[in-house]
Amino acid sequence: MASYYTLSDIAAAINGHLVGDGSYKVTAVAHPAAKAKGGDLVLATDPALMPLLEANGACVAILSAQTEVPSFLKGAILVGRSRYAMAHLTGLFEKKVVVAPGVHPSAVLEEGVEIDPTAAIGAFSYIARGARIGRGTVIHPQVYIGPEAEVGEEGLIYSGVRIGARVKIGARAIIHFNTTIGADGFSFVTPDIGSVETAKATGEVGSAQNLQLVRIASLGAVEIGDNVEIGANTSIDRGTIVSTRIGRGTKIDNQVQIGHNVVVGENCMLCGRVGIAGSSEIGNRVVLGGSVGVADHVKVGDDTVAMGMSGIAGNIPPRSLVGGAPAKPRKKFIQDLYNISRIKGLAEKVQDLSQRLDALDGGKE
């Protein structure tokens, strides 16, 4: 990050329209509710925030393209899609934690490790035999990378991340604190037909019992495409025979669980606490809201959006908008909620009608 950017530099970087003094030096980004300091660029793309600009001493600001620039501002940048502009703006001013280039003396490298000379390996990290680290990748302290695992170029791996054997991670990955990629899948079998199989087949448990749970080993790995970001404390299990796969461009939030053999498509968004059970397939550009649960062996079609806390128990066609548990089309879900809210009133009306009928009948059965 530079010590400052001129207003014209920022306008070019975020594809905004510059008005006023392009030479103004910006050193920080500020909220309009805070008292502005010299060098602050104030974000006020919401018209409701405009009155705060003059009251808090703003000199330069980012405004909506439909806004008239106030005369008290020395300069402004007008943008269309404000959050898209913010993505570029925050990238300019992000203060990254630096890891010194090269391999820290306390790091452990086993035999056959291949590390590009431009990569950075932080203190107390452990790189197991045959692992490969690509050009420009930054490994923060206390990271474990398993045997024959691969991390592509320009990656960023934060402290506490654990990457299992033979896991393949594409270019420009960002993996946040304490995430685990490549643990064994949760896969067990009973010698005889157990309670789960019986319940699925008959709709009841019956006399079935799980008297022994036999572990199924995970022989597959995990394959992650380019430009994937994975949040903190997320777990992605390795496949049983084939690899669990995450498509390029997909973004995964904190505390997400992705089971064995799952396939997640490209440019998906999986929000916090999503859980995807084994062998499910999530299409391209799917959005799963917070705490969505997906059952095993389910297919979710491309471009589907699932509302938070949805329970997806069966296949979902492409371009669906679903909610509820079990998940159903949003319109049906909202209608059902409305009908549930009417039940109390309907029950009271039925009781009132029943009492009137009893009165008319003289109370006789």
Protein backbone atom coordinates (compact mmCIF):
# COMPACT_ATOMS: atom_id res chain seq x y z
CA MET A 1 0.00 0.00 0.00
CA ALA A 2 1.31 3.46 -0.93
CA SER A 3 1.48 6.21 1.71
CA TYR A 4 -1.13 8.14 -0.28
CA TYR A 5 -3.04 8.14 -3.56
CA THR A 6 -4.19 11.19 -5.47
CA LEU A 7 -7.89 11.56 -6.05
CA SER A 8 -7.32 11.08 -9.78
CA ASP A 9 -5.38 7.83 -9.10
CA ILE A 10 -8.31 6.50 -7.11
CA ALA A 11 -10.87 7.56 -9.72
CA ALA A 12 -8.95 5.62 -12.36
CA ALA A 13 -8.57 2.56 -10.11
CA ILE A 14 -12.29 2.32 -9.30
CA ASN A 15 -13.49 3.48 -12.75
CA GLY A 16 -15.22 6.54 -11.29
CA HIS A 17 -15.84 10.02 -12.69
CA LEU A 18 -13.57 12.66 -11.14
CA VAL A 19 -14.95 16.09 -10.23
CA GLY A 20 -12.72 18.81 -8.78
CA ASP A 21 -9.11 18.66 -7.55
CA GLY A 22 -7.57 15.42 -8.82
CA SER A 23 -4.24 16.19 -7.13
CA TYR A 24 -5.71 15.99 -3.60
CA LYS A 25 -3.69 13.44 -1.57
CA VAL A 26 -5.80 10.72 0.07
CA THR A 27 -4.29 8.74 2.95
CA ALA A 28 -7.34 6.95 4.39
CA VAL A 29 -10.96 5.99 3.79
CA ALA A 30 -13.55 7.30 6.29
CA HIS A 31 -17.23 6.93 7.17
CA PRO A 32 -19.33 10.12 6.89
CA ALA A 33 -20.48 9.78 10.52
CA ALA A 34 -16.90 10.21 11.76
CA LYS A 35 -15.09 13.53 12.04
CA ALA A 36 -13.03 13.81 8.86
CA LYS A 37 -9.30 14.40 9.05
CA GLY A 38 -7.02 15.82 6.39
CA GLY A 39 -6.42 13.18 3.75
CA ASP A 40 -9.66 11.30 4.44
CA LEU A 41 -11.77 10.15 1.51
CA VAL A 42 -15.33 9.90 2.82
CA LEU A 43 -17.73 7.24 1.52
CA ALA A 44 -21.22 8.66 1.05
CA THR A 45 -22.85 6.86 -1.85
CA ASP A 46 -26.14 6.67 0.07
CA PRO A 47 -27.97 10.01 -0.42
CA ALA A 48 -29.20 9.81 3.21
CA LEU A 49 -25.59 10.31 4.35
CA MET A 50 -25.05 13.53 2.43
CA PRO A 51 -25.98 15.88 5.32
CA LEU A 52 -23.14 14.38 7.38
CA LEU A 53 -20.44 15.44 4.93
CA GLU A 54 -20.36 19.16 5.71
CA ALA A 55 -21.11 18.65 9.41
CA ASN A 56 -18.05 16.43 9.82
CA GLY A 57 -15.66 18.48 7.71
CA ALA A 58 -15.27 16.28 4.64
CA CYS A 59 -13.01 17.66 1.89
CA VAL A 60 -13.27 14.85 -0.68
CA ALA A 61 -15.83 12.08 -1.04
CA ILE A 62 -17.10 9.19 -3.13
CA LEU A 63 -20.69 9.84 -4.16
CA SER A 64 -23.41 8.18 -6.19
CA ALA A 65 -23.37 9.05 -9.90
CA GLN A 66 -26.83 10.61 -9.52
CA THR A 67 -25.65 13.00 -6.78
CA GLU A 68 -24.96 16.70 -7.27
CA VAL A 69 -21.52 17.47 -5.86
CA PRO A 70 -21.76 19.95 -2.94
CA SER A 71 -19.81 23.17 -3.38
CA PHE A 72 -17.90 22.76 -0.08
CA LEU A 73 -16.07 19.64 -1.36
CA LYS A 74 -12.65 20.11 -2.97
CA GLY A 75 -13.18 17.02 -5.08
CA ALA A 76 -15.39 13.99 -5.53
CA ILE A 77 -15.53 10.69 -7.36
CA LEU A 78 -18.91 9.69 -8.79
CA VAL A 79 -19.59 5.95 -9.11
CA GLY A 80 -22.43 3.79 -10.39
CA ARG A 81 -22.38 0.47 -8.52
CA SER A 82 -21.11 1.64 -5.15
CA ARG A 83 -20.21 -1.72 -3.59
CA TYR A 84 -18.28 -2.72 -6.70
CA ALA A 85 -16.32 0.53 -6.45
CA MET A 86 -15.74 -0.20 -2.75
CA ALA A 87 -14.19 -3.56 -3.61
CA HIS A 88 -11.49 -1.82 -5.66
CA LEU A 89 -11.10 1.00 -3.15
CA THR A 90 -10.57 -1.26 -0.13
CA GLY A 91 -8.04 -3.25 -2.15
CA LEU A 92 -5.98 -0.07 -2.58
CA PHE A 93 -5.94 0.73 1.13
CA GLU A 94 -5.65 -2.78 2.56
CA LYS A 95 -2.72 -3.15 4.97
CA LYS A 96 -1.44 -6.67 4.44
CA VAL A 97 0.54 -8.54 7.08
CA VAL A 98 3.98 -9.07 5.59
CA VAL A 99 5.81 -12.39 5.70
CA ALA A 100 9.49 -12.07 4.82
CA PRO A 101 10.41 -13.65 1.45
CA GLY A 102 12.18 -16.97 1.59
CA VAL A 103 11.98 -19.75 4.15
CA HIS A 104 12.08 -18.83 7.84
CA PRO A 105 14.89 -20.66 9.71
CA SER A 106 12.37 -22.31 12.07
CA ALA A 107 10.27 -23.79 9.27
CA VAL A 108 10.56 -27.53 8.61
CA LEU A 109 10.96 -28.76 5.03
CA GLU A 110 10.94 -32.48 4.39
CA GLU A 111 12.71 -34.24 1.54
CA GLY A 112 11.59 -33.44 -1.99
CA VAL A 113 9.79 -30.19 -1.20
CA GLU A 114 9.68 -27.72 -4.11
CA ILE A 115 9.33 -24.06 -3.17
CA ASP A 116 9.52 -21.28 -5.73
CA PRO A 117 12.26 -18.80 -4.81
CA THR A 118 9.70 -15.97 -4.74
CA ALA A 119 7.49 -17.71 -2.15
CA ALA A 120 7.50 -16.85 1.58
CA ILE A 121 7.33 -19.54 4.26
CA GLY A 122 6.59 -18.23 7.77
CA ALA A 123 7.99 -19.31 11.12
CA PHE A 124 7.23 -22.81 12.47
CA SER A 125 5.45 -23.90 9.31
CA TYR A 126 5.80 -27.55 8.29
CA ILE A 127 6.01 -28.54 4.63
CA ALA A 128 5.90 -32.33 4.21
CA ARG A 129 7.76 -34.44 1.67
CA GLY A 130 7.06 -33.81 -1.99
CA ALA A 131 4.86 -30.76 -1.43
CA ARG A 132 5.04 -27.90 -3.95
CA ILE A 133 4.59 -24.17 -3.31
CA GLY A 134 4.07 -21.88 -6.30
CA ARG A 135 5.47 -18.53 -7.34
CA GLY A 136 4.77 -15.62 -5.01
CA THR A 137 2.70 -17.64 -2.55
CA VAL A 138 2.77 -16.47 1.07
CA ILE A 139 2.56 -19.05 3.85
CA HIS A 140 2.03 -17.43 7.26
CA PRO A 141 3.53 -18.93 10.45
CA GLN A 142 2.34 -22.26 11.85
CA VAL A 143 0.85 -23.74 8.69
CA TYR A 144 0.95 -27.47 7.90
CA ILE A 145 1.08 -28.63 4.28
CA GLY A 146 0.91 -32.40 3.84
CA PRO A 147 2.86 -34.81 1.63
CA GLU A 148 2.59 -34.21 -2.13
CA ALA A 149 0.15 -31.32 -1.63
CA GLU A 150 0.30 -28.45 -4.12
CA VAL A 151 -0.41 -24.75 -3.57
CA GLY A 152 -0.50 -22.68 -6.76
CA GLU A 153 1.01 -19.31 -7.51
CA GLU A 154 0.20 -16.05 -5.68
CA GLY A 155 -1.63 -17.87 -2.87
CA LEU A 156 -2.16 -16.54 0.63
CA ILE A 157 -2.37 -19.08 3.45
CA TYR A 158 -2.99 -17.74 6.98
CA SER A 159 -1.78 -19.16 10.29
CA GLY A 160 -3.25 -22.37 11.59
CA VAL A 161 -4.32 -23.72 8.21
CA ARG A 162 -3.94 -27.48 7.77
CA ILE A 163 -3.70 -28.86 4.24
CA GLY A 164 -3.73 -32.65 3.94
CA ALA A 165 -1.81 -35.06 1.74
CA ARG A 166 -2.18 -34.77 -2.06
CA VAL A 167 -4.54 -31.78 -1.83
CA LYS A 168 -4.27 -29.57 -4.93
CA ILE A 169 -5.00 -25.84 -4.58
CA GLY A 170 -5.07 -23.56 -7.63
CA ALA A 171 -3.62 -20.12 -8.21
CA ARG A 172 -4.42 -17.04 -6.11
CA ALA A 173 -6.17 -18.95 -3.33
CA ILE A 174 -6.84 -17.19 -0.03
CA ILE A 175 -7.32 -19.51 2.94
CA HIS A 176 -8.06 -17.98 6.33
CA PHE A 177 -7.10 -18.95 9.87
CA ASN A 178 -7.52 -22.51 11.16
CA THR A 179 -9.20 -23.97 8.12
CA THR A 180 -8.69 -27.69 7.45
CA ILE A 181 -8.60 -29.06 3.92
CA GLY A 182 -8.20 -32.78 3.35
CA ALA A 183 -9.29 -34.42 6.59
CA ASP A 184 -10.88 -37.87 6.21
CA GLY A 185 -14.54 -37.96 5.32
CA PHE A 186 -17.24 -38.92 7.86
CA SER A 187 -17.91 -42.29 6.32
CA PHE A 188 -18.90 -45.44 8.24
CA VAL A 189 -20.86 -48.61 7.54
CA THR A 190 -22.61 -51.25 9.67
CA PRO A 191 -22.05 -54.99 9.05
CA ASP A 192 -25.81 -55.46 8.70
CA ILE A 193 -28.46 -53.00 7.53
CA GLY A 194 -28.54 -50.25 10.14
CA SER A 195 -31.00 -47.63 11.38
CA VAL A 196 -30.24 -45.00 8.73
CA GLU A 197 -30.66 -47.35 5.77
CA THR A 198 -33.84 -48.76 7.30
CA ALA A 199 -35.28 -45.29 7.92
CA LYS A 200 -34.57 -44.21 4.35
CA ALA A 201 -36.13 -47.34 2.90
CA THR A 202 -39.21 -47.66 5.13
CA GLY A 203 -39.72 -44.31 6.82
CA GLU A 204 -39.14 -45.73 10.28
CA VAL A 205 -36.26 -47.19 12.30
CA GLY A 206 -38.02 -50.39 13.26
CA SER A 207 -35.84 -52.96 15.02
CA ALA A 208 -32.59 -51.94 13.24
CA GLN A 209 -29.60 -51.21 15.45
CA ASN A 210 -26.12 -49.85 14.75
CA LEU A 211 -24.20 -52.38 16.82
CA GLN A 212 -20.88 -51.64 15.11
CA LEU A 213 -19.61 -48.73 13.00
CA VAL A 214 -16.84 -49.69 10.58
CA ARG A 215 -14.69 -46.88 9.20
CA ILE A 216 -14.42 -46.38 5.43
CA ALA A 217 -11.00 -44.93 4.58
CA SER A 218 -10.69 -41.83 2.40
CA LEU A 219 -8.46 -42.61 -0.56
CA GLY A 220 -9.24 -39.47 -2.55
CA ALA A 221 -8.04 -35.92 -1.94
CA VAL A 222 -9.37 -32.37 -2.44
CA GLU A 223 -8.99 -30.32 -5.62
CA ILE A 224 -9.56 -26.56 -5.48
CA GLY A 225 -9.65 -24.32 -8.55
CA ASP A 226 -8.11 -20.90 -9.14
CA ASN A 227 -9.24 -17.74 -7.33
CA VAL A 228 -11.01 -19.55 -4.50
CA GLU A 229 -11.29 -17.94 -1.06
CA ILE A 230 -12.03 -20.02 2.03
CA GLY A 231 -12.98 -18.49 5.39
CA ALA A 232 -11.74 -19.27 8.89
CA ASN A 233 -12.50 -22.57 10.66
CA THR A 234 -13.94 -24.19 7.56
CA SER A 235 -13.51 -27.92 6.90
CA ILE A 236 -13.37 -29.61 3.50
CA ASP A 237 -13.14 -33.41 3.65
CA ARG A 238 -11.22 -35.55 1.19
CA GLY A 239 -13.10 -37.92 -1.11
CA THR A 240 -13.55 -41.62 -0.55
CA ILE A 241 -12.28 -42.77 -3.95
CA VAL A 242 -12.36 -39.64 -6.12
CA SER A 243 -11.49 -36.14 -4.92
CA THR A 244 -13.83 -33.60 -3.36
CA ARG A 245 -13.81 -30.63 -5.78
CA ILE A 246 -14.30 -26.87 -5.45
CA GLY A 247 -14.65 -24.91 -8.70
CA ARG A 248 -12.73 -21.79 -9.66
CA GLY A 249 -13.85 -18.44 -8.32
CA THR A 250 -15.95 -19.90 -5.51
CA LYS A 251 -16.04 -18.05 -2.17
CA ILE A 252 -16.58 -19.96 1.07
CA ASP A 253 -17.36 -18.25 4.38
CA ASN A 254 -16.33 -19.15 7.94
CA GLN A 255 -17.36 -22.38 9.68
CA VAL A 256 -18.56 -24.16 6.56
CA GLN A 257 -18.51 -27.97 6.40
CA ILE A 258 -18.10 -29.67 3.01
CA GLY A 259 -18.33 -33.44 3.14
CA HIS A 260 -16.53 -36.17 1.22
CA ASN A 261 -17.06 -36.50 -2.56
CA VAL A 262 -18.92 -33.18 -2.76
CA VAL A 263 -18.58 -31.22 -6.00
CA VAL A 264 -19.04 -27.44 -5.77
CA GLY A 265 -19.19 -25.54 -9.07
CA GLU A 266 -17.67 -22.26 -10.21
CA ASN A 267 -18.30 -18.81 -8.71
CA CYS A 268 -20.49 -20.11 -5.90
CA MET A 269 -21.02 -18.31 -2.58
CA LEU A 270 -21.35 -20.51 0.50
CA CYS A 271 -22.19 -18.38 3.53
CA GLY A 272 -21.34 -19.01 7.18
CA ARG A 273 -22.23 -22.37 8.79
CA VAL A 274 -23.37 -23.99 5.56
CA GLY A 275 -23.18 -27.77 5.76
CA ILE A 276 -23.05 -29.96 2.64
CA ALA A 277 -23.30 -33.70 3.19
CA GLY A 278 -21.32 -36.27 1.25
CA SER A 279 -21.62 -36.86 -2.49
CA SER A 280 -23.83 -33.82 -3.15
CA GLU A 281 -23.36 -31.70 -6.27
CA ILE A 282 -23.67 -27.92 -6.13
CA GLY A 283 -23.95 -26.28 -9.56
CA ASN A 284 -22.25 -23.16 -10.88
CA ARG A 285 -22.98 -19.72 -9.40
CA VAL A 286 -25.10 -21.15 -6.60
CA VAL A 287 -25.62 -19.05 -3.45
CA LEU A 288 -26.30 -20.85 -0.17
CA GLY A 289 -27.29 -18.46 2.63
CA GLY A 290 -26.15 -18.77 6.23
CA SER A 291 -26.75 -22.13 7.95
CA VAL A 292 -28.16 -23.82 4.86
CA GLY A 293 -28.01 -27.60 5.11
CA VAL A 294 -27.74 -29.86 2.05
CA ALA A 295 -28.49 -33.57 2.42
CA ASP A 296 -26.27 -36.27 0.95
CA HIS A 297 -26.46 -37.25 -2.75
CA VAL A 298 -28.48 -34.12 -3.60
CA LYS A 299 -28.06 -32.03 -6.77
CA VAL A 300 -28.54 -28.25 -6.62
CA GLY A 301 -28.91 -26.69 -10.07
CA ASP A 302 -26.94 -23.78 -11.52
CA ASP A 303 -27.77 -20.22 -10.40
CA THR A 304 -29.93 -21.38 -7.50
CA VAL A 305 -30.25 -19.14 -4.43
CA ALA A 306 -31.16 -20.75 -1.09
CA MET A 307 -32.34 -18.48 1.73
CA GLY A 308 -30.61 -18.68 5.10
CA MET A 309 -31.38 -21.77 7.25
CA SER A 310 -32.94 -23.64 4.33
CA GLY A 311 -32.85 -27.42 4.53
CA ILE A 312 -32.27 -28.90 1.08
CA ALA A 313 -33.41 -32.52 1.24
CA GLY A 314 -33.94 -33.22 -2.47
CA ASN A 315 -32.78 -32.13 -5.90
CA ILE A 316 -33.29 -28.46 -6.79
CA PRO A 317 -33.69 -27.41 -10.45
CA PRO A 318 -31.54 -24.61 -11.92
CA ARG A 319 -32.35 -20.94 -11.24
CA SER A 320 -34.51 -21.72 -8.22
CA LEU A 321 -35.10 -19.42 -5.26
CA VAL A 322 -35.88 -21.59 -2.26
CA GLY A 323 -36.41 -21.29 1.49
CA GLY A 324 -37.58 -23.25 4.48
CA ALA A 325 -36.97 -26.77 5.76
CA PRO A 326 -37.52 -28.79 3.74
CA ALA A 327 -36.66 -26.21 1.10
CA LYS A 328 -39.40 -25.20 -1.31
CA PRO A 329 -39.90 -22.35 -3.81
CA ARG A 330 -39.78 -19.01 -1.99
CA LYS A 331 -43.33 -18.02 -2.95
CA LYS A 332 -44.66 -21.28 -1.54
CA PHE A 333 -42.50 -20.89 1.59
CA ILE A 334 -43.81 -17.35 2.25
CA GLN A 335 -47.39 -18.48 1.59
CA ASP A 336 -47.02 -21.33 4.07
CA LEU A 337 -45.65 -18.95 6.72
CA TYR A 338 -48.64 -16.68 6.16
CA ASN A 339 -51.05 -19.60 6.47
CA ILE A 340 -49.40 -20.75 9.71
CA SER A 341 -49.84 -17.27 11.15
CA ARG A 342 -53.59 -17.53 10.45
CA ILE A 343 -54.07 -20.86 12.26
CA LYS A 344 -54.67 -19.32 15.69
CA GLY A 345 -57.35 -16.99 14.33
CA LEU A 346 -59.01 -19.80 12.40
CA ALA A 347 -58.99 -22.02 15.50
CA GLU A 348 -60.65 -19.27 17.53
CA LYS A 349 -63.34 -18.85 14.84
CA VAL A 350 -64.00 -22.61 14.77
CA GLN A 351 -64.30 -22.67 18.56
CA ASP A 352 -66.69 -19.71 18.47
CA LEU A 353 -68.85 -21.37 15.77
CA SER A 354 -68.84 -24.62 17.75
CA GLN A 355 -70.07 -22.82 20.85
CA ARG A 356 -72.83 -21.11 18.86
CA LEU A 357 -73.96 -24.42 17.38
CA ASP A 358 -74.01 -25.97 20.83
CA ALA A 359 -76.14 -23.06 22.07
CA LEU A 360 -78.58 -23.42 19.18
CA ASP A 361 -78.83 -27.14 19.82
CA GLY A 362 -79.49 -26.64 23.48
CA GLY A 363 -76.18 -28.11 24.44
CA LYS A 364 -77.25 -31.63 23.32
CA GLU A 365 -74.73 -34.05 21.80
